[in-house]
């Protein structure tokens, strides 16, 4: 990855993104509120990298790679002066982001791609501060960015197709996976994440189950599948007619909260019931079904083995529930 990158905001998220890009070969300049903060964060990232390397979480030689490729810039203007890609990662405050983005776009090359790591703020609302806003988009890494493989790419209506393709290319060169989504409130990642959390809190408030038991069920049942299959693949394998029946059952007590999605009704009416019919949301061909099931079974067994090897997460204080 032979490009110059600037990360504006070198804290936990920005610094982690800097590590990702620098390990992929980019020359990454970190900038922050002042030069001292950027330098302190650079030193933290190198110390952290050595720990990760010792733990086998980063490859051997990663820290030396970061020493070569990561630097602390004396100012925002110096960081972005020769950058092909710039990632803004300052706190989630619209006016602060607009101010920083205006400074970035005034000092950066006119064709530099500018990304923001926002997880909540409208990309269009920030784009008004950017010169040549067709090169601006959301490039949303997740925490901890060195280890979470997915990145949400969020263009606003004015983002050019070339800018989207370039941003996707830069991110995928690091080994990450990308998904391009529309600029709507919550984007996709947080719409889904907070929908699950909302329903979980409802169950606790209703006295149905404790937080501990809900977490156990999520991580050992449908959450166990999620590293391998998203919600549409899971639904296709279960059978869309089964999902339709379950929605009907849920509606006996929660008619509005669990209204049957129109798209599910349409699929069933068209005879698309998922993998068993050779077509559903993902249209898995019938002749691939045996391979899919074999993959699924092997994946689940290996996930179970990994979890046994790692042991339980250090969350339990040891007290009885």
Protein backbone atom coordinates (compact mmCIF):
# COMPACT_ATOMS: atom_id res chain seq x y z
CA UNK A 1 0.00 0.00 0.00
CA UNK A 2 2.19 2.78 -1.32
CA UNK A 3 0.34 5.96 -0.33
CA UNK A 4 0.58 8.79 2.17
CA UNK A 5 -2.20 8.83 4.76
CA UNK A 6 -3.15 11.34 7.44
CA UNK A 7 -5.13 10.47 10.56
CA UNK A 8 -6.64 13.52 12.24
CA UNK A 9 -7.42 12.56 15.82
CA UNK A 10 -4.82 10.12 17.13
CA UNK A 11 -6.72 8.73 20.12
CA UNK A 12 -7.94 5.18 20.59
CA UNK A 13 -9.92 4.87 17.34
CA UNK A 14 -7.76 7.10 15.16
CA UNK A 15 -4.57 5.54 16.46
CA UNK A 16 -5.87 2.04 15.80
CA UNK A 17 -6.84 3.01 12.24
CA UNK A 18 -3.35 4.41 11.82
CA UNK A 19 -1.88 1.08 12.91
CA UNK A 20 -4.04 -0.79 10.39
CA UNK A 21 -2.98 1.40 7.46
CA UNK A 22 0.68 1.59 8.48
CA UNK A 23 0.93 -2.19 8.86
CA UNK A 24 -0.39 -2.45 5.29
CA UNK A 25 2.51 -0.31 4.07
CA UNK A 26 1.08 3.21 4.00
CA UNK A 27 3.09 6.14 5.34
CA UNK A 28 0.79 7.44 8.07
CA UNK A 29 1.04 10.87 9.72
CA UNK A 30 -0.89 11.32 12.97
CA UNK A 31 -2.18 14.75 13.94
CA UNK A 32 -4.05 15.92 17.02
CA UNK A 33 -4.91 19.06 18.95
CA UNK A 34 -1.19 19.73 19.30
CA UNK A 35 2.12 18.14 18.39
CA UNK A 36 2.74 16.88 21.93
CA UNK A 37 -0.53 14.92 21.96
CA UNK A 38 0.23 13.36 18.58
CA UNK A 39 3.72 12.36 19.75
CA UNK A 40 2.40 10.88 22.99
CA UNK A 41 -0.16 8.85 21.07
CA UNK A 42 2.49 7.64 18.63
CA UNK A 43 4.58 6.38 21.54
CA UNK A 44 1.50 4.70 23.03
CA UNK A 45 0.75 2.95 19.74
CA UNK A 46 4.30 1.62 19.48
CA UNK A 47 4.23 0.35 23.07
CA UNK A 48 0.83 -1.22 22.46
CA UNK A 49 2.09 -2.82 19.25
CA UNK A 50 5.00 -4.45 21.05
CA UNK A 51 2.56 -5.91 23.57
CA UNK A 52 0.34 -7.18 20.75
CA UNK A 53 3.37 -8.67 19.02
CA UNK A 54 4.49 -10.44 22.21
CA UNK A 55 0.96 -11.82 22.62
CA UNK A 56 0.87 -13.09 19.03
CA UNK A 57 -1.89 -10.65 18.09
CA UNK A 58 0.33 -8.71 15.65
CA UNK A 59 2.75 -10.48 13.30
CA UNK A 60 6.44 -10.63 14.13
CA UNK A 61 8.13 -7.40 13.06
CA UNK A 62 4.92 -5.35 13.28
CA UNK A 63 6.38 -2.81 15.69
CA UNK A 64 9.37 -2.14 13.44
CA UNK A 65 6.98 -1.72 10.51
CA UNK A 66 5.05 0.84 12.53
CA UNK A 67 8.26 2.66 13.50
CA UNK A 68 9.02 3.04 9.79
CA UNK A 69 5.53 3.96 8.67
CA UNK A 70 3.91 5.89 11.54
CA UNK A 71 4.90 9.43 12.46
CA UNK A 72 3.56 12.30 14.55
CA UNK A 73 2.98 15.47 12.54
CA UNK A 74 3.60 18.90 14.06
CA UNK A 75 0.21 20.12 12.81
CA UNK A 76 -2.90 19.11 10.91
CA UNK A 77 -1.66 21.07 7.90
CA UNK A 78 1.65 19.19 7.85
CA UNK A 79 -0.11 15.84 8.19
CA UNK A 80 -2.42 16.33 5.21
CA UNK A 81 -0.09 18.27 2.90
CA UNK A 82 0.85 15.26 0.74
CA UNK A 83 -1.83 12.78 1.72
CA UNK A 84 -3.80 10.72 -0.79
CA UNK A 85 -6.21 9.55 1.92
CA UNK A 86 -7.21 11.38 5.10
CA UNK A 87 -9.29 9.90 7.91
CA UNK A 88 -10.92 12.25 10.42
CA UNK A 89 -11.39 10.59 13.83
CA UNK A 90 -12.15 13.42 16.26
CA UNK A 91 -14.95 13.24 18.89
CA UNK A 92 -18.58 12.86 17.78
CA UNK A 93 -19.54 16.53 17.79
CA UNK A 94 -20.90 17.92 14.53
CA UNK A 95 -19.47 21.43 14.83
CA UNK A 96 -16.04 20.11 15.84
CA UNK A 97 -16.02 17.73 12.88
CA UNK A 98 -17.10 20.49 10.50
CA UNK A 99 -14.31 22.73 11.78
CA UNK A 100 -11.69 20.01 11.40
CA UNK A 101 -12.97 18.97 7.96
CA UNK A 102 -12.81 22.57 6.77
CA UNK A 103 -9.18 22.76 7.91
CA UNK A 104 -8.38 19.45 6.27
CA UNK A 105 -9.92 20.29 2.90
CA UNK A 106 -8.25 23.73 2.85
CA UNK A 107 -4.79 22.25 3.41
CA UNK A 108 -4.97 18.87 1.62
CA UNK A 109 -4.41 18.16 -2.08
CA UNK A 110 -7.62 18.87 -4.02
CA UNK A 111 -7.93 15.24 -5.09
CA UNK A 112 -7.24 13.64 -1.69
CA UNK A 113 -9.98 11.29 -0.49
CA UNK A 114 -11.36 12.46 2.86
CA UNK A 115 -13.07 9.98 5.15
CA UNK A 116 -14.74 10.36 8.52
CA UNK A 117 -14.91 7.64 11.14
CA UNK A 118 -18.24 8.87 12.50
CA UNK A 119 -20.61 6.18 13.71
CA UNK A 120 -23.68 8.40 14.12
CA UNK A 121 -23.49 11.77 12.35
CA UNK A 122 -24.97 12.31 8.88
CA UNK A 123 -22.26 12.34 6.21
CA UNK A 124 -24.23 14.97 4.26
CA UNK A 125 -24.34 17.21 7.33
CA UNK A 126 -20.54 17.14 7.47
CA UNK A 127 -19.99 17.39 3.71
CA UNK A 128 -21.03 21.07 3.72
CA UNK A 129 -17.69 21.88 5.39
CA UNK A 130 -15.59 20.08 2.76
CA UNK A 131 -14.16 21.69 -0.35
CA UNK A 132 -14.81 19.39 -3.33
CA UNK A 133 -17.30 17.32 -1.29
CA UNK A 134 -17.49 14.67 -4.02
CA UNK A 135 -14.29 13.20 -2.48
CA UNK A 136 -15.81 12.95 1.02
CA UNK A 137 -17.50 9.90 2.61
CA UNK A 138 -17.82 7.88 5.78
CA UNK A 139 -15.14 5.24 6.36
CA UNK A 140 -16.33 3.71 9.62
CA UNK A 141 -13.96 1.33 11.38
CA UNK A 142 -15.14 -0.56 14.48
CA UNK A 143 -13.54 -0.84 17.88
CA UNK A 144 -10.88 -2.25 18.23
CA UNK A 145 -9.98 -1.32 14.68
CA UNK A 146 -6.82 -3.46 14.37
CA UNK A 147 -8.87 -6.61 15.05
CA UNK A 148 -12.42 -6.04 13.74
CA UNK A 149 -12.43 -6.97 10.03
CA UNK A 150 -15.44 -5.03 8.73
CA UNK A 151 -15.54 -1.39 7.62
CA UNK A 152 -18.70 0.51 6.76
CA UNK A 153 -18.36 2.78 3.70
CA UNK A 154 -20.97 5.56 3.65
CA UNK A 155 -21.12 7.95 0.69
CA UNK A 156 -23.43 10.96 0.75
CA UNK A 157 -25.51 11.73 -2.34
CA UNK A 158 -22.75 13.88 -3.80
CA UNK A 159 -19.86 11.43 -3.31
CA UNK A 160 -18.38 10.42 -6.64
CA UNK A 161 -18.25 6.77 -7.72
CA UNK A 162 -14.50 7.18 -8.17
CA UNK A 163 -14.07 8.30 -4.58
CA UNK A 164 -16.11 5.34 -3.33
CA UNK A 165 -14.06 2.88 -5.38
CA UNK A 166 -10.79 4.45 -4.23
CA UNK A 167 -11.78 4.38 -0.55
CA UNK A 168 -12.93 0.77 -0.83
CA UNK A 169 -9.64 -0.12 -2.49
CA UNK A 170 -7.55 1.53 0.22
CA UNK A 171 -9.45 -0.23 3.00
CA UNK A 172 -9.41 -3.63 1.32
CA UNK A 173 -5.65 -3.37 0.77
CA UNK A 174 -5.35 -3.59 4.56
CA UNK A 175 -7.17 -6.94 4.52
CA UNK A 176 -10.45 -5.55 5.83
CA UNK A 177 -13.88 -6.29 4.32
CA UNK A 178 -16.09 -3.39 3.22
CA UNK A 179 -19.82 -2.82 2.81
CA UNK A 180 -21.16 0.28 1.02
CA UNK A 181 -24.36 1.61 2.60
CA UNK A 182 -26.54 4.71 2.32
CA UNK A 183 -26.25 7.84 4.44
CA UNK A 184 -29.24 7.29 6.76
CA UNK A 185 -29.54 7.74 10.51
CA UNK A 186 -27.47 5.06 12.24
CA UNK A 187 -26.22 3.72 8.88
CA UNK A 188 -26.41 -0.12 9.04
CA UNK A 189 -24.06 -1.27 11.77
CA UNK A 190 -25.62 0.78 14.55
CA UNK A 191 -29.20 0.34 13.33
CA UNK A 192 -28.73 -3.40 13.83
CA UNK A 193 -26.60 -3.20 16.96
CA UNK A 194 -28.98 -0.89 18.79
CA UNK A 195 -32.07 -2.81 17.66
CA UNK A 196 -30.66 -5.88 19.40
CA UNK A 197 -29.70 -3.90 22.49
CA UNK A 198 -33.14 -2.28 22.64
CA UNK A 199 -34.92 -5.63 22.58
CA UNK A 200 -32.49 -7.02 25.16
CA UNK A 201 -33.20 -4.14 27.55
CA UNK A 202 -36.93 -4.65 27.04
CA UNK A 203 -36.57 -8.28 28.14
CA UNK A 204 -34.69 -7.22 31.27
CA UNK A 205 -37.22 -4.51 32.10
CA UNK A 206 -40.08 -7.01 31.68
CA UNK A 207 -38.36 -9.44 34.06
CA UNK A 208 -38.10 -12.15 31.40
CA UNK A 209 -34.39 -12.81 31.92
CA UNK A 210 -31.31 -11.32 33.54
CA UNK A 211 -28.59 -9.51 31.55
CA UNK A 212 -26.28 -12.45 32.24
CA UNK A 213 -28.74 -15.01 30.87
CA UNK A 214 -29.54 -12.91 27.81
CA UNK A 215 -25.84 -12.56 27.04
CA UNK A 216 -25.43 -16.32 27.44
CA UNK A 217 -28.24 -17.04 24.99
CA UNK A 218 -27.05 -14.50 22.41
CA UNK A 219 -23.45 -15.70 22.33
CA UNK A 220 -24.29 -19.42 22.42
CA UNK A 221 -27.20 -19.51 19.93
CA UNK A 222 -27.80 -17.08 17.09
CA UNK A 223 -24.72 -15.02 17.99
CA UNK A 224 -22.66 -18.19 17.61
CA UNK A 225 -23.64 -18.22 13.92
CA UNK A 226 -22.90 -14.57 13.19
CA UNK A 227 -19.14 -14.79 12.49
CA UNK A 228 -20.03 -16.97 9.49
CA UNK A 229 -23.51 -15.93 8.36
CA UNK A 230 -25.47 -12.69 8.40
CA UNK A 231 -29.20 -12.47 9.14
CA UNK A 232 -30.28 -13.15 5.56
CA UNK A 233 -28.16 -16.28 5.16
CA UNK A 234 -29.40 -17.54 8.53
CA UNK A 235 -33.03 -16.90 7.53
CA UNK A 236 -32.56 -18.62 4.17
CA UNK A 237 -31.15 -21.72 5.86
CA UNK A 238 -33.90 -21.79 8.49
CA UNK A 239 -36.62 -21.35 5.87
CA UNK A 240 -38.50 -18.14 5.18
CA UNK A 241 -41.80 -19.94 5.76
CA UNK A 242 -40.55 -20.81 9.26
CA UNK A 243 -39.71 -17.15 9.84
CA UNK A 244 -43.18 -16.18 8.68
CA UNK A 245 -44.76 -18.60 11.16
CA UNK A 246 -42.58 -17.24 13.98
CA UNK A 247 -43.58 -13.67 13.16
CA UNK A 248 -47.23 -14.73 13.41
CA UNK A 249 -46.59 -16.24 16.84
CA UNK A 250 -44.78 -13.13 18.09
CA UNK A 251 -47.64 -10.96 16.90
CA UNK A 252 -50.01 -12.59 19.39
CA UNK A 253 -48.44 -10.38 22.08
CA UNK A 254 -46.45 -7.84 20.05
CA UNK A 255 -48.48 -7.09 16.89
CA UNK A 256 -46.68 -3.87 15.98
CA UNK A 257 -43.20 -4.61 17.31
CA UNK A 258 -42.99 -7.83 15.29
CA UNK A 259 -45.08 -6.99 12.22
CA UNK A 260 -44.14 -9.31 9.34
CA UNK A 261 -41.74 -7.49 6.99
CA UNK A 262 -43.33 -6.85 3.59
CA UNK A 263 -40.26 -8.19 1.79
CA UNK A 264 -40.62 -11.52 3.63
CA UNK A 265 -44.27 -11.82 2.58
CA UNK A 266 -43.28 -11.05 -1.02
CA UNK A 267 -40.58 -13.75 -1.03
CA UNK A 268 -42.99 -16.39 0.27
CA UNK A 269 -45.69 -15.41 -2.22
CA UNK A 270 -43.11 -15.90 -4.99
CA UNK A 271 -42.25 -19.38 -3.70
CA UNK A 272 -38.83 -18.28 -2.51
CA UNK A 273 -38.48 -20.06 0.81
CA UNK A 274 -34.71 -19.99 1.16
CA UNK A 275 -32.11 -22.66 0.51
CA UNK A 276 -34.69 -25.46 0.44
CA UNK A 277 -36.35 -23.87 -2.60
CA UNK A 278 -33.06 -22.88 -4.22
CA UNK A 279 -33.83 -19.21 -3.75
CA UNK A 280 -34.44 -16.73 -0.96
CA UNK A 281 -32.72 -13.49 -0.05
CA UNK A 282 -29.35 -14.77 -1.26
CA UNK A 283 -30.46 -17.23 -3.97
CA UNK A 284 -28.17 -20.10 -3.01
CA UNK A 285 -28.42 -22.69 -5.83
CA UNK A 286 -29.87 -26.03 -4.77
CA UNK A 287 -26.74 -27.87 -5.96
CA UNK A 288 -24.64 -25.84 -3.50
CA UNK A 289 -26.79 -26.70 -0.49
CA UNK A 290 -24.76 -29.75 0.57
CA UNK A 291 -21.53 -27.71 0.43
CA UNK A 292 -23.16 -24.94 2.46
CA UNK A 293 -24.37 -27.33 5.16
CA UNK A 294 -20.95 -29.01 5.33
CA UNK A 295 -19.26 -25.60 5.71
CA UNK A 296 -21.77 -24.56 8.37
CA UNK A 297 -21.25 -27.69 10.44
CA UNK A 298 -17.46 -27.51 10.28
CA UNK A 299 -17.52 -23.78 11.12
CA UNK A 300 -19.68 -24.31 14.20
CA UNK A 301 -17.56 -27.19 15.48
CA UNK A 302 -14.35 -25.18 15.05
CA UNK A 303 -15.90 -22.14 16.71
CA UNK A 304 -16.86 -24.34 19.66
CA UNK A 305 -13.32 -25.67 19.86
CA UNK A 306 -11.88 -22.14 19.78
CA UNK A 307 -14.18 -20.98 22.56
CA UNK A 308 -13.18 -23.96 24.72
CA UNK A 309 -9.52 -23.19 24.04
CA UNK A 310 -9.92 -19.52 25.01
CA UNK A 311 -12.14 -20.22 28.00
CA UNK A 312 -14.83 -17.86 29.25
CA UNK A 313 -14.42 -14.09 29.02
CA UNK A 314 -13.24 -12.55 32.33
CA UNK A 315 -16.62 -10.98 33.12
CA UNK A 316 -17.88 -13.09 36.01
CA UNK A 317 -16.96 -11.76 39.45
CA UNK A 318 -17.45 -15.27 40.82
CA UNK A 319 -20.63 -14.35 42.65
CA UNK A 320 -23.69 -16.53 42.16
CA UNK A 321 -26.45 -15.09 40.02
